[in-house]
Amino acid sequence: METKKGDFLISTDNSSLDLSVIHSFLTNSYWASGIPIDIVKKSIENSLCFGLYNQGNQVGFARVISDYATFAYLADVFILPSERGKGLSKWLMETIKTHPKLQGLRRWMLATRDAHGLYKQFGFEPIANPERLMAILNSNVYE
């Protein structure tokens, strides 16, 4: 799947992804600090990925982990700082939420520290009953 807007392109073709750009951003992020490149590669191989490009150069990324029937988890969403403020995160989210494989799902989830305003525009809300959810968090797994 590809969609264009001016000089920008969003594609789900994993062969176009720039692993070095993705790894560089993620390893310096608050949620994946220190992540090894082989783990990033494996996560890409097992997800529906959305690469965002400006004249062929990767400037954004997101991936969705899903069974394509009932559930999707949105992860690793970013726009490079040099490209922010251009509406690209909204366009990326619109593209993800309208992707044919991701329609009719019962539940979407994500975790964010600072982008609640963006995700709220696309229907995400705080968990209504957080006491029902459980997690295992290995926060030092990449050390």
Foldseek 3Di string as FASTA:
>chain_A
DWDDDVQKMKDQPPVLDDLVVLCVVQCPDPQRPLPDSVVVVVVSVQWRKIFMDGNSHTFWIKTWHDPLAAEIEIDSTDGHPVPPPPCVSLVVLVCVCPPPSNPPYNDYYYDDDPPPVSVVVVPDDPDPCCVVDDDDDPPPPND
